[in-house]
Amino acid sequence: MTEAIAKVCESYGVNPVEGVLSHKLKKHLIDGNDVIINKETSEQRVEEFEFAPGDVIGLDIYVSTGEGKPRESEFRTTVYKRELDAQYNLKLQKSRAFFTEVNKRFPTLPFAIRAFEDPVGAKVGVKECVDHDLLTGYPVLTEKPGELVAHFKTTIAILPRSTVVLAGEIPLASRFESEKKIENAGLAALIASDLWKREDKKKGKKEDEKKE
């Protein structure tokens, strides 16, 4: 997957963004251990894994007209996620009230501060929770001035005989025009292929009869 991303980016004269991971999803878990790295570097590598029936992948593709090396912006994030392994007795009453609501409403998935009715209490609570590693923020990242970053996100499920797009199916090729194109025949054929391979019912029936 990572190699295919790199080849497509090369064809279009852009760079895959570093530090981006696509995770295998599970119930109440958006960041499983099996990941696809958007761009591999000498410092950033991941273990390979094979897709298997039943896998659900949250695919995040980021590309940039710049170097693909984002840095943290001066803008503060408003999106956080609970760190389940961390424990701490919060000192401030507003922090405790905020954290209780987080555990009740967002125990495992990310949330935005705007989801809370008391924004002042939420801001106070976030600070103390972050200071003691109870919450992790999703930083706002930026490229160099004048560069553009494009983000494509989709969720796919791998079935025994097919791959289905659950969300985020956007026909990019038909929506945007470019002077560049993919010259590699193998890569072009891969992209043109249909993710959904419909099962041949007659063939499946014959195989079942043979097993019997």
N, C-alpha and C. Protein backbone atom coordinates (compact mmCIF):
# COMPACT_ATOMS: atom_id res chain seq x y z
N MET A 1 0.83 -1.20 0.00
CA MET A 1 0.00 0.00 0.00
C MET A 1 0.87 1.25 0.00
N THR A 2 1.87 1.27 0.88
CA THR A 2 2.75 2.44 0.98
C THR A 2 3.50 2.68 -0.32
N GLU A 3 3.96 1.60 -0.94
CA GLU A 3 4.67 1.73 -2.22
C GLU A 3 3.74 2.27 -3.30
N ALA A 4 2.49 1.80 -3.31
CA ALA A 4 1.53 2.28 -4.31
C ALA A 4 1.25 3.77 -4.13
N ILE A 5 1.10 4.20 -2.88
CA ILE A 5 0.88 5.62 -2.58
C ILE A 5 2.05 6.45 -3.11
N ALA A 6 3.28 5.98 -2.87
CA ALA A 6 4.48 6.71 -3.31
C ALA A 6 4.53 6.82 -4.83
N LYS A 7 4.16 5.73 -5.53
CA LYS A 7 4.21 5.74 -7.00
C LYS A 7 3.16 6.69 -7.59
N VAL A 8 1.97 6.69 -7.00
CA VAL A 8 0.93 7.60 -7.50
C VAL A 8 1.35 9.06 -7.27
N CYS A 9 1.89 9.33 -6.09
CA CYS A 9 2.34 10.70 -5.79
C CYS A 9 3.44 11.14 -6.75
N GLU A 10 4.35 10.24 -7.06
CA GLU A 10 5.43 10.57 -8.01
C GLU A 10 4.86 10.91 -9.37
N SER A 11 3.84 10.18 -9.80
CA SER A 11 3.23 10.43 -11.11
C SER A 11 2.60 11.81 -11.18
N TYR A 12 2.05 12.28 -10.07
CA TYR A 12 1.36 13.57 -10.05
C TYR A 12 2.20 14.71 -9.50
N GLY A 13 3.47 14.45 -9.21
CA GLY A 13 4.37 15.51 -8.79
C GLY A 13 4.09 16.06 -7.40
N VAL A 14 3.60 15.20 -6.50
CA VAL A 14 3.36 15.61 -5.12
C VAL A 14 4.09 14.64 -4.19
N ASN A 15 4.06 14.95 -2.89
CA ASN A 15 4.73 14.11 -1.91
C ASN A 15 3.73 13.58 -0.89
N PRO A 16 3.83 12.29 -0.53
CA PRO A 16 3.00 11.80 0.57
C PRO A 16 3.47 12.45 1.87
N VAL A 17 2.54 12.77 2.73
CA VAL A 17 2.87 13.47 3.98
C VAL A 17 3.38 12.46 5.01
N GLU A 18 4.45 12.84 5.69
CA GLU A 18 5.04 11.97 6.71
C GLU A 18 4.19 11.96 7.99
N GLY A 19 4.36 10.90 8.76
CA GLY A 19 3.72 10.83 10.07
C GLY A 19 2.25 10.48 10.06
N VAL A 20 1.73 10.02 8.92
CA VAL A 20 0.31 9.67 8.81
C VAL A 20 0.15 8.16 8.81
N LEU A 21 -0.75 7.65 9.63
CA LEU A 21 -1.01 6.22 9.72
C LEU A 21 -2.48 5.92 9.45
N SER A 22 -2.72 4.85 8.72
CA SER A 22 -4.08 4.33 8.54
C SER A 22 -4.19 3.08 9.42
N HIS A 23 -5.22 3.04 10.25
CA HIS A 23 -5.32 1.98 11.25
C HIS A 23 -6.38 0.95 10.91
N LYS A 24 -6.14 -0.27 11.38
CA LYS A 24 -7.19 -1.28 11.38
C LYS A 24 -8.17 -0.92 12.50
N LEU A 25 -9.45 -0.93 12.19
CA LEU A 25 -10.47 -0.53 13.16
C LEU A 25 -11.10 -1.74 13.82
N LYS A 26 -11.48 -1.54 15.08
CA LYS A 26 -12.25 -2.54 15.82
C LYS A 26 -13.38 -1.82 16.55
N LYS A 27 -14.27 -2.57 17.15
CA LYS A 27 -15.37 -1.96 17.87
C LYS A 27 -14.83 -1.07 18.98
N HIS A 28 -15.23 0.19 18.99
CA HIS A 28 -14.80 1.18 19.97
C HIS A 28 -13.30 1.47 19.92
N LEU A 29 -12.65 1.13 18.81
CA LEU A 29 -11.21 1.36 18.69
C LEU A 29 -10.88 1.83 17.28
N ILE A 30 -10.40 3.07 17.16
CA ILE A 30 -10.09 3.62 15.84
C ILE A 30 -8.61 3.54 15.50
N ASP A 31 -7.79 3.13 16.46
CA ASP A 31 -6.35 3.09 16.22
C ASP A 31 -5.76 1.74 16.65
N GLY A 32 -6.11 0.71 15.88
CA GLY A 32 -5.59 -0.62 16.15
C GLY A 32 -4.09 -0.70 15.90
N ASN A 33 -3.49 -1.82 16.29
CA ASN A 33 -2.03 -1.98 16.19
C ASN A 33 -1.55 -2.16 14.75
N ASP A 34 -2.37 -2.77 13.89
CA ASP A 34 -1.98 -2.95 12.49
C ASP A 34 -2.22 -1.65 11.73
N VAL A 35 -1.16 -1.14 11.10
CA VAL A 35 -1.26 0.17 10.45
C VAL A 35 -0.60 0.16 9.07
N ILE A 36 -1.05 1.10 8.24
CA ILE A 36 -0.43 1.38 6.94
C ILE A 36 0.18 2.76 7.05
N ILE A 37 1.47 2.88 6.79
CA ILE A 37 2.12 4.17 6.89
C ILE A 37 2.03 4.90 5.55
N ASN A 38 1.69 6.18 5.61
CA ASN A 38 1.51 6.98 4.40
C ASN A 38 2.82 7.18 3.64
N LYS A 39 3.91 7.35 4.41
CA LYS A 39 5.24 7.51 3.81
C LYS A 39 6.28 6.93 4.75
N GLU A 40 7.05 6.02 4.24
CA GLU A 40 8.09 5.39 5.06
C GLU A 40 9.39 6.17 4.94
N THR A 41 10.03 6.41 6.08
CA THR A 41 11.33 7.09 6.12
C THR A 41 12.28 6.24 6.96
N SER A 42 13.52 6.70 7.07
CA SER A 42 14.49 5.95 7.87
C SER A 42 14.11 5.96 9.35
N GLU A 43 13.39 7.01 9.78
CA GLU A 43 12.98 7.11 11.18
C GLU A 43 11.57 6.58 11.42
N GLN A 44 10.77 6.49 10.38
CA GLN A 44 9.36 6.09 10.53
C GLN A 44 9.07 4.85 9.70
N ARG A 45 8.96 3.73 10.39
CA ARG A 45 8.65 2.45 9.74
C ARG A 45 7.62 1.70 10.58
N VAL A 46 6.90 0.80 9.95
CA VAL A 46 5.91 0.00 10.66
C VAL A 46 6.05 -1.46 10.24
N GLU A 47 5.49 -2.35 11.05
CA GLU A 47 5.50 -3.78 10.72
C GLU A 47 4.48 -4.06 9.63
N GLU A 48 4.85 -4.93 8.70
CA GLU A 48 3.92 -5.30 7.63
C GLU A 48 2.85 -6.25 8.16
N PHE A 49 1.69 -6.20 7.56
CA PHE A 49 0.64 -7.16 7.87
C PHE A 49 -0.17 -7.43 6.60
N GLU A 50 -0.81 -8.57 6.56
CA GLU A 50 -1.63 -8.94 5.40
C GLU A 50 -3.10 -8.71 5.70
N PHE A 51 -3.82 -8.21 4.70
CA PHE A 51 -5.26 -8.03 4.86
C PHE A 51 -5.92 -9.41 4.99
N ALA A 52 -6.96 -9.46 5.79
CA ALA A 52 -7.68 -10.71 6.00
C ALA A 52 -9.17 -10.44 6.06
N PRO A 53 -10.00 -11.41 5.67
CA PRO A 53 -11.45 -11.21 5.76
C PRO A 53 -11.86 -10.81 7.18
N GLY A 54 -12.72 -9.81 7.24
CA GLY A 54 -13.15 -9.29 8.53
C GLY A 54 -12.45 -8.01 8.93
N ASP A 55 -11.35 -7.68 8.25
CA ASP A 55 -10.63 -6.44 8.56
C ASP A 55 -11.43 -5.22 8.10
N VAL A 56 -11.42 -4.20 8.93
CA VAL A 56 -11.98 -2.90 8.56
C VAL A 56 -10.86 -1.88 8.71
N ILE A 57 -10.58 -1.14 7.65
CA ILE A 57 -9.46 -0.20 7.63
C ILE A 57 -9.96 1.23 7.47
N GLY A 58 -9.51 2.11 8.32
CA GLY A 58 -9.75 3.54 8.14
C GLY A 58 -8.59 4.11 7.35
N LEU A 59 -8.77 4.29 6.06
CA LEU A 59 -7.67 4.68 5.17
C LEU A 59 -7.55 6.20 5.09
N ASP A 60 -6.39 6.72 5.49
CA ASP A 60 -6.10 8.15 5.44
C ASP A 60 -4.93 8.38 4.50
N ILE A 61 -5.17 9.13 3.42
CA ILE A 61 -4.12 9.46 2.47
C ILE A 61 -3.93 10.98 2.46
N TYR A 62 -2.74 11.43 2.79
CA TYR A 62 -2.41 12.86 2.75
C TYR A 62 -1.29 13.08 1.74
N VAL A 63 -1.47 14.03 0.84
CA VAL A 63 -0.41 14.39 -0.11
C VAL A 63 -0.22 15.90 -0.09
N SER A 64 0.98 16.33 -0.45
CA SER A 64 1.31 17.75 -0.38
C SER A 64 2.11 18.19 -1.59
N THR A 65 1.89 19.43 -2.00
CA THR A 65 2.72 20.00 -3.06
C THR A 65 4.08 20.40 -2.51
N GLY A 66 4.22 20.42 -1.19
CA GLY A 66 5.49 20.74 -0.55
C GLY A 66 6.31 19.49 -0.28
N GLU A 67 7.12 19.53 0.75
CA GLU A 67 8.00 18.42 1.08
C GLU A 67 7.27 17.28 1.79
N GLY A 68 6.07 17.54 2.24
CA GLY A 68 5.34 16.50 2.97
C GLY A 68 5.82 16.32 4.39
N LYS A 69 6.39 17.38 4.95
CA LYS A 69 6.89 17.35 6.33
C LYS A 69 6.12 18.39 7.16
N PRO A 70 4.97 18.01 7.68
CA PRO A 70 4.14 18.99 8.40
C PRO A 70 4.75 19.39 9.74
N ARG A 71 4.40 20.56 10.18
CA ARG A 71 4.82 21.02 11.50
C ARG A 71 3.59 21.56 12.22
N GLU A 72 3.68 21.58 13.54
CA GLU A 72 2.53 21.98 14.34
C GLU A 72 2.26 23.47 14.17
N SER A 73 1.00 23.80 13.95
CA SER A 73 0.58 25.18 13.77
C SER A 73 0.44 25.89 15.10
N GLU A 74 0.33 27.22 15.05
CA GLU A 74 0.11 27.98 16.28
C GLU A 74 -1.33 27.87 16.76
N PHE A 75 -2.21 27.34 15.91
CA PHE A 75 -3.61 27.17 16.31
C PHE A 75 -3.75 26.00 17.28
N ARG A 76 -4.54 26.20 18.32
CA ARG A 76 -4.76 25.15 19.30
C ARG A 76 -5.78 24.15 18.80
N THR A 77 -5.55 22.91 19.12
CA THR A 77 -6.52 21.88 18.75
C THR A 77 -7.73 21.95 19.67
N THR A 78 -8.86 21.47 19.18
CA THR A 78 -10.07 21.37 20.00
C THR A 78 -10.58 19.92 19.99
N VAL A 79 -9.76 19.00 19.46
CA VAL A 79 -10.16 17.59 19.36
C VAL A 79 -9.19 16.75 20.20
N TYR A 80 -9.77 15.90 21.05
CA TYR A 80 -8.96 15.10 21.98
C TYR A 80 -9.50 13.68 22.05
N LYS A 81 -8.68 12.80 22.65
CA LYS A 81 -9.08 11.41 22.85
C LYS A 81 -8.59 10.93 24.20
N ARG A 82 -9.38 10.13 24.85
CA ARG A 82 -9.07 9.59 26.17
C ARG A 82 -7.94 8.57 26.08
N GLU A 83 -6.94 8.69 26.99
CA GLU A 83 -5.88 7.70 27.11
C GLU A 83 -6.29 6.70 28.19
N LEU A 84 -6.70 5.51 27.78
CA LEU A 84 -7.29 4.55 28.71
C LEU A 84 -6.31 4.02 29.75
N ASP A 85 -5.03 4.01 29.43
CA ASP A 85 -4.04 3.44 30.35
C ASP A 85 -3.63 4.42 31.44
N ALA A 86 -3.95 5.70 31.30
CA ALA A 86 -3.51 6.71 32.26
C ALA A 86 -4.54 6.93 33.36
N GLN A 87 -4.05 7.11 34.58
CA GLN A 87 -4.90 7.37 35.74
C GLN A 87 -4.31 8.53 36.55
N TYR A 88 -5.18 9.40 37.06
CA TYR A 88 -4.72 10.52 37.89
C TYR A 88 -5.92 11.12 38.61
N ASN A 89 -5.72 11.51 39.87
CA ASN A 89 -6.78 12.16 40.66
C ASN A 89 -6.73 13.66 40.41
N LEU A 90 -7.66 14.15 39.61
CA LEU A 90 -7.69 15.56 39.25
C LEU A 90 -7.98 16.43 40.48
N LYS A 91 -7.37 17.60 40.53
CA LYS A 91 -7.48 18.47 41.70
C LYS A 91 -8.68 19.43 41.60
N LEU A 92 -8.92 19.96 40.39
CA LEU A 92 -9.96 20.98 40.23
C LEU A 92 -11.34 20.35 40.05
N GLN A 93 -12.34 20.98 40.66
CA GLN A 93 -13.71 20.46 40.57
C GLN A 93 -14.22 20.47 39.13
N LYS A 94 -13.95 21.56 38.39
CA LYS A 94 -14.39 21.63 37.00
C LYS A 94 -13.73 20.55 36.15
N SER A 95 -12.48 20.26 36.47
CA SER A 95 -11.77 19.21 35.73
C SER A 95 -12.39 17.85 36.00
N ARG A 96 -12.72 17.60 37.25
CA ARG A 96 -13.33 16.31 37.60
C ARG A 96 -14.69 16.14 36.93
N ALA A 97 -15.49 17.22 36.93
CA ALA A 97 -16.80 17.16 36.29
C ALA A 97 -16.65 16.93 34.79
N PHE A 98 -15.70 17.62 34.18
CA PHE A 98 -15.45 17.47 32.75
C PHE A 98 -14.99 16.05 32.42
N PHE A 99 -14.07 15.52 33.22
CA PHE A 99 -13.52 14.19 32.96
C PHE A 99 -14.57 13.11 33.16
N THR A 100 -15.45 13.30 34.12
CA THR A 100 -16.55 12.35 34.33
C THR A 100 -17.44 12.29 33.10
N GLU A 101 -17.71 13.46 32.51
CA GLU A 101 -18.55 13.50 31.30
C GLU A 101 -17.82 12.86 30.11
N VAL A 102 -16.51 13.08 30.03
CA VAL A 102 -15.72 12.46 28.96
C VAL A 102 -15.82 10.94 29.04
N ASN A 103 -15.64 10.39 30.24
CA ASN A 103 -15.68 8.94 30.42
C ASN A 103 -17.07 8.37 30.13
N LYS A 104 -18.08 9.18 30.36
CA LYS A 104 -19.45 8.73 30.13
C LYS A 104 -19.83 8.80 28.65
N ARG A 105 -19.48 9.89 27.99
CA ARG A 105 -19.92 10.11 26.61
C ARG A 105 -18.89 9.71 25.57
N PHE A 106 -17.60 9.86 25.87
CA PHE A 106 -16.55 9.59 24.88
C PHE A 106 -15.45 8.74 25.49
N PRO A 107 -15.76 7.53 25.96
CA PRO A 107 -14.76 6.72 26.63
C PRO A 107 -13.62 6.23 25.75
N THR A 108 -13.87 6.08 24.45
CA THR A 108 -12.83 5.54 23.57
C THR A 108 -12.62 6.33 22.28
N LEU A 109 -13.61 7.09 21.86
CA LEU A 109 -13.52 7.78 20.57
C LEU A 109 -13.20 9.26 20.75
N PRO A 110 -12.62 9.90 19.74
CA PRO A 110 -12.28 11.32 19.84
C PRO A 110 -13.52 12.20 20.01
N PHE A 111 -13.31 13.38 20.57
CA PHE A 111 -14.40 14.32 20.77
C PHE A 111 -13.88 15.75 20.61
N ALA A 112 -14.79 16.67 20.36
CA ALA A 112 -14.44 18.10 20.25
C ALA A 112 -14.98 18.84 21.47
N ILE A 113 -14.29 19.88 21.88
CA ILE A 113 -14.70 20.65 23.05
C ILE A 113 -16.09 21.24 22.86
N ARG A 114 -16.46 21.55 21.61
CA ARG A 114 -17.76 22.16 21.36
C ARG A 114 -18.91 21.22 21.71
N ALA A 115 -18.61 19.95 21.97
CA ALA A 115 -19.66 18.99 22.32
C ALA A 115 -20.13 19.16 23.77
N PHE A 116 -19.45 20.01 24.54
CA PHE A 116 -19.78 20.19 25.95
C PHE A 116 -20.57 21.49 26.16
N GLU A 117 -21.57 21.42 27.01
CA GLU A 117 -22.42 22.58 27.26
C GLU A 117 -21.69 23.67 28.03
N ASP A 118 -20.72 23.31 28.85
CA ASP A 118 -19.95 24.29 29.63
C ASP A 118 -18.57 24.44 28.99
N PRO A 119 -18.41 25.38 28.04
CA PRO A 119 -17.12 25.51 27.35
C PRO A 119 -15.99 25.95 28.27
N VAL A 120 -16.30 26.77 29.29
CA VAL A 120 -15.26 27.22 30.23
C VAL A 120 -14.74 26.04 31.04
N GLY A 121 -15.69 25.25 31.57
CA GLY A 121 -15.29 24.07 32.33
C GLY A 121 -14.53 23.08 31.48
N ALA A 122 -14.92 22.97 30.21
CA ALA A 122 -14.24 22.05 29.30
C ALA A 122 -12.80 22.48 29.05
N LYS A 123 -12.58 23.78 28.88
CA LYS A 123 -11.22 24.28 28.64
C LYS A 123 -10.34 24.10 29.87
N VAL A 124 -10.92 24.33 31.04
CA VAL A 124 -10.17 24.12 32.28
C VAL A 124 -9.85 22.64 32.44
N GLY A 125 -10.85 21.80 32.21
CA GLY A 125 -10.66 20.37 32.35
C GLY A 125 -9.66 19.80 31.37
N VAL A 126 -9.72 20.26 30.13
CA VAL A 126 -8.79 19.78 29.11
C VAL A 126 -7.36 20.05 29.51
N LYS A 127 -7.09 21.25 30.02
CA LYS A 127 -5.71 21.62 30.38
C LYS A 127 -5.15 20.68 31.44
N GLU A 128 -5.92 20.47 32.52
CA GLU A 128 -5.40 19.61 33.58
C GLU A 128 -5.30 18.16 33.12
N CYS A 129 -6.26 17.71 32.32
CA CYS A 129 -6.22 16.33 31.81
C CYS A 129 -5.03 16.10 30.89
N VAL A 130 -4.76 17.06 30.02
CA VAL A 130 -3.62 16.95 29.10
C VAL A 130 -2.31 17.00 29.88
N ASP A 131 -2.24 17.88 30.88
CA ASP A 131 -1.02 18.01 31.68
C ASP A 131 -0.65 16.70 32.37
N HIS A 132 -1.65 15.87 32.65
CA HIS A 132 -1.41 14.61 33.36
C HIS A 132 -1.68 13.39 32.48
N ASP A 133 -1.63 13.60 31.15
CA ASP A 133 -1.68 12.52 30.16
C ASP A 133 -2.97 11.71 30.17
N LEU A 134 -4.04 12.30 30.68
CA LEU A 134 -5.33 11.61 30.63
C LEU A 134 -5.98 11.75 29.26
N LEU A 135 -5.62 12.83 28.55
CA LEU A 135 -6.13 13.08 27.20
C LEU A 135 -4.98 13.34 26.26
N THR A 136 -5.17 12.97 25.00
CA THR A 136 -4.21 13.28 23.95
C THR A 136 -4.90 14.16 22.92
N GLY A 137 -4.25 15.25 22.56
CA GLY A 137 -4.82 16.15 21.56
C GLY A 137 -4.39 15.78 20.15
N TYR A 138 -5.24 16.12 19.19
CA TYR A 138 -4.90 15.96 17.78
C TYR A 138 -4.39 17.32 17.28
N PRO A 139 -3.09 17.48 17.13
CA PRO A 139 -2.54 18.80 16.80
C PRO A 139 -2.96 19.30 15.42
N VAL A 140 -3.03 20.61 15.30
CA VAL A 140 -3.28 21.24 14.00
C VAL A 140 -1.93 21.37 13.29
N LEU A 141 -1.80 20.73 12.14
CA LEU A 141 -0.53 20.72 11.41
C LEU A 141 -0.61 21.60 10.17
N THR A 142 0.53 22.08 9.74
CA THR A 142 0.56 22.94 8.56
C THR A 142 1.81 22.67 7.73
N GLU A 143 1.74 22.99 6.46
CA GLU A 143 2.89 22.89 5.57
C GLU A 143 3.51 24.29 5.44
N LYS A 144 4.49 24.41 4.58
CA LYS A 144 5.09 25.72 4.32
C LYS A 144 4.07 26.63 3.65
N PRO A 145 4.15 27.94 3.89
CA PRO A 145 3.20 28.88 3.26
C PRO A 145 3.19 28.73 1.74
N GLY A 146 1.99 28.70 1.17
CA GLY A 146 1.85 28.61 -0.28
C GLY A 146 1.70 27.19 -0.80
N GLU A 147 1.97 26.19 0.05
CA GLU A 147 1.83 24.80 -0.39
C GLU A 147 0.42 24.30 -0.10
N LEU A 148 -0.02 23.32 -0.87
CA LEU A 148 -1.35 22.76 -0.72
C LEU A 148 -1.27 21.33 -0.20
N VAL A 149 -2.22 20.96 0.64
CA VAL A 149 -2.31 19.60 1.16
C VAL A 149 -3.70 19.06 0.85
N ALA A 150 -3.75 17.84 0.31
CA ALA A 150 -5.02 17.19 0.01
C ALA A 150 -5.16 15.96 0.89
N HIS A 151 -6.37 15.74 1.38
CA HIS A 151 -6.64 14.61 2.27
C HIS A 151 -7.78 13.78 1.71
N PHE A 152 -7.53 12.48 1.58
CA PHE A 152 -8.56 11.54 1.14
C PHE A 152 -8.77 10.53 2.25
N LYS A 153 -9.99 10.37 2.70
CA LYS A 153 -10.29 9.44 3.78
C LYS A 153 -11.44 8.53 3.39
N THR A 154 -11.28 7.25 3.68
CA THR A 154 -12.35 6.29 3.40
C THR A 154 -12.26 5.13 4.37
N THR A 155 -13.35 4.43 4.53
CA THR A 155 -13.39 3.25 5.38
C THR A 155 -13.74 2.05 4.51
N ILE A 156 -12.92 1.01 4.56
CA ILE A 156 -13.15 -0.16 3.73
C ILE A 156 -13.26 -1.41 4.60
N ALA A 157 -14.03 -2.36 4.14
CA ALA A 157 -14.18 -3.64 4.83
C ALA A 157 -13.76 -4.75 3.88
N ILE A 158 -12.98 -5.67 4.37
CA ILE A 158 -12.50 -6.78 3.55
C ILE A 158 -13.35 -8.00 3.86
N LEU A 159 -14.07 -8.45 2.85
CA LEU A 159 -14.94 -9.61 2.97
C LEU A 159 -14.25 -10.84 2.37
N PRO A 160 -14.77 -12.03 2.59
CA PRO A 160 -14.10 -13.23 2.07
C PRO A 160 -13.84 -13.21 0.57
N ARG A 161 -14.78 -12.63 -0.22
CA ARG A 161 -14.60 -12.64 -1.67
C ARG A 161 -14.67 -11.24 -2.28
N SER A 162 -14.62 -10.22 -1.46
CA SER A 162 -14.75 -8.87 -2.02
C SER A 162 -14.24 -7.83 -1.03
N THR A 163 -14.07 -6.62 -1.53
CA THR A 163 -13.72 -5.47 -0.70
C THR A 163 -14.77 -4.40 -0.94
N VAL A 164 -15.34 -3.88 0.13
CA VAL A 164 -16.43 -2.93 -0.02
C VAL A 164 -16.06 -1.61 0.67
N VAL A 165 -16.41 -0.51 0.03
CA VAL A 165 -16.20 0.82 0.60
C VAL A 165 -17.40 1.15 1.47
N LEU A 166 -17.19 1.32 2.76
CA LEU A 166 -18.28 1.61 3.68
C LEU A 166 -18.62 3.10 3.73
N ALA A 167 -17.60 3.94 3.57
CA ALA A 167 -17.83 5.39 3.63
C ALA A 167 -16.68 6.10 2.92
N GLY A 168 -17.00 7.25 2.32
CA GLY A 168 -15.97 8.06 1.69
C GLY A 168 -15.61 7.65 0.28
N GLU A 169 -16.55 7.02 -0.42
CA GLU A 169 -16.28 6.62 -1.81
C GLU A 169 -16.47 7.82 -2.73
N ILE A 170 -15.37 8.44 -3.13
CA ILE A 170 -15.42 9.63 -3.98
C ILE A 170 -14.71 9.34 -5.30
N PRO A 171 -15.40 9.49 -6.43
CA PRO A 171 -14.77 9.25 -7.73
C PRO A 171 -13.82 10.40 -8.09
N LEU A 172 -12.63 10.39 -7.51
CA LEU A 172 -11.70 11.51 -7.69
C LEU A 172 -11.33 11.74 -9.15
N ALA A 173 -11.09 10.66 -9.88
CA ALA A 173 -10.63 10.81 -11.26
C ALA A 173 -11.65 11.53 -12.12
N SER A 174 -12.93 11.33 -11.85
CA SER A 174 -13.96 11.97 -12.65
C SER A 174 -14.29 13.39 -12.18
N ARG A 175 -13.87 13.74 -10.99
CA ARG A 175 -14.18 15.07 -10.44
C ARG A 175 -13.10 16.10 -10.70
N PHE A 176 -11.87 15.63 -10.92
CA PHE A 176 -10.76 16.56 -11.09
C PHE A 176 -9.99 16.24 -12.36
N GLU A 177 -9.52 17.29 -13.01
CA GLU A 177 -8.72 17.12 -14.22
C GLU A 177 -7.27 17.48 -13.92
N SER A 178 -6.34 16.80 -14.56
CA SER A 178 -4.92 17.06 -14.35
C SER A 178 -4.16 16.87 -15.65
N GLU A 179 -3.11 17.65 -15.80
CA GLU A 179 -2.24 17.49 -16.96
C GLU A 179 -1.36 16.25 -16.82
N LYS A 180 -1.22 15.79 -15.58
CA LYS A 180 -0.38 14.62 -15.32
C LYS A 180 -1.23 13.36 -15.33
N LYS A 181 -0.59 12.23 -15.56
CA LYS A 181 -1.30 10.96 -15.52
C LYS A 181 -0.31 9.86 -15.14
N ILE A 182 -0.84 8.72 -14.80
CA ILE A 182 -0.02 7.60 -14.39
C ILE A 182 0.46 6.85 -15.63
N GLU A 183 1.78 6.79 -15.78
CA GLU A 183 2.36 6.13 -16.96
C GLU A 183 2.60 4.65 -16.72
N ASN A 184 2.78 4.25 -15.46
CA ASN A 184 3.06 2.86 -15.13
C ASN A 184 1.82 2.01 -15.42
N ALA A 185 1.93 1.08 -16.37
CA ALA A 185 0.77 0.30 -16.81
C ALA A 185 0.21 -0.56 -15.69
N GLY A 186 1.08 -1.17 -14.90
CA GLY A 186 0.62 -2.02 -13.80
C GLY A 186 -0.12 -1.24 -12.75
N LEU A 187 0.39 -0.06 -12.43
CA LEU A 187 -0.27 0.78 -11.42
C LEU A 187 -1.59 1.32 -11.95
N ALA A 188 -1.62 1.71 -13.22
CA ALA A 188 -2.86 2.21 -13.82
C ALA A 188 -3.94 1.13 -13.83
N ALA A 189 -3.54 -0.11 -14.11
CA ALA A 189 -4.50 -1.22 -14.11
C ALA A 189 -5.02 -1.49 -12.70
N LEU A 190 -4.14 -1.36 -11.72
CA LEU A 190 -4.54 -1.57 -10.33
C LEU A 190 -5.57 -0.54 -9.90
N ILE A 191 -5.35 0.71 -10.26
CA ILE A 191 -6.26 1.79 -9.88
C ILE A 191 -7.59 1.65 -10.62
N ALA A 192 -7.53 1.21 -11.86
CA ALA A 192 -8.76 1.08 -12.65
C ALA A 192 -9.60 -0.13 -12.25
N SER A 193 -9.00 -1.07 -11.54
CA SER A 193 -9.73 -2.28 -11.17
C SER A 193 -10.83 -1.97 -10.16
N ASP A 194 -11.86 -2.79 -10.17
CA ASP A 194 -13.01 -2.58 -9.30
C ASP A 194 -12.75 -3.23 -7.94
N LEU A 195 -12.90 -2.44 -6.87
CA LEU A 195 -12.70 -2.99 -5.53
C LEU A 195 -13.73 -4.06 -5.22
N TRP A 196 -14.94 -3.85 -5.73
CA TRP A 196 -16.02 -4.77 -5.43
C TRP A 196 -16.02 -5.90 -6.46
N LYS A 197 -15.55 -7.06 -6.06
CA LYS A 197 -15.54 -8.22 -6.94
C LYS A 197 -16.76 -9.06 -6.61
N ARG A 198 -17.76 -8.94 -7.44
CA ARG A 198 -19.02 -9.62 -7.15
C ARG A 198 -18.85 -11.14 -7.25
N GLU A 199 -19.40 -11.78 -6.26
CA GLU A 199 -19.29 -13.23 -6.21
C GLU A 199 -20.14 -13.87 -7.29
N ASP A 200 -19.56 -14.82 -8.00
CA ASP A 200 -20.28 -15.57 -9.01
C ASP A 200 -21.12 -16.63 -8.29
N LYS A 201 -22.44 -16.42 -8.21
CA LYS A 201 -23.29 -17.32 -7.45
C LYS A 201 -23.27 -18.74 -8.02
N LYS A 202 -23.24 -18.85 -9.35
CA LYS A 202 -23.22 -20.17 -9.97
C LYS A 202 -21.93 -20.90 -9.61
N LYS A 203 -20.82 -20.17 -9.65
CA LYS A 203 -19.54 -20.76 -9.33
C LYS A 203 -19.50 -21.18 -7.87
N GLY A 204 -20.04 -20.28 -7.01
CA GLY A 204 -20.06 -20.59 -5.58
C GLY A 204 -20.90 -21.81 -5.28
N LYS A 205 -22.02 -21.95 -6.02
CA LYS A 205 -22.91 -23.09 -5.83
C LYS A 205 -22.22 -24.38 -6.25
N LYS A 206 -21.49 -24.35 -7.36
CA LYS A 206 -20.78 -25.53 -7.83
C LYS A 206 -19.70 -25.95 -6.83
N GLU A 207 -19.00 -24.95 -6.26
CA GLU A 207 -17.96 -25.26 -5.29
C GLU A 207 -18.56 -25.91 -4.05
N ASP A 208 -19.73 -25.40 -3.62
CA ASP A 208 -20.40 -25.98 -2.46
C ASP A 208 -20.83 -27.42 -2.73
N GLU A 209 -21.29 -27.68 -3.97
CA GLU A 209 -21.71 -29.03 -4.34
C GLU A 209 -20.52 -30.00 -4.33
N LYS A 210 -19.37 -29.50 -4.78
CA LYS A 210 -18.17 -30.34 -4.78
C LYS A 210 -17.77 -30.71 -3.36
N LYS A 211 -17.89 -29.74 -2.44
CA LYS A 211 -17.52 -30.00 -1.05
C LYS A 211 -18.44 -31.05 -0.44
N GLU A 212 -19.73 -30.99 -0.80
CA GLU A 212 -20.66 -31.97 -0.28
C GLU A 212 -20.36 -33.38 -0.81
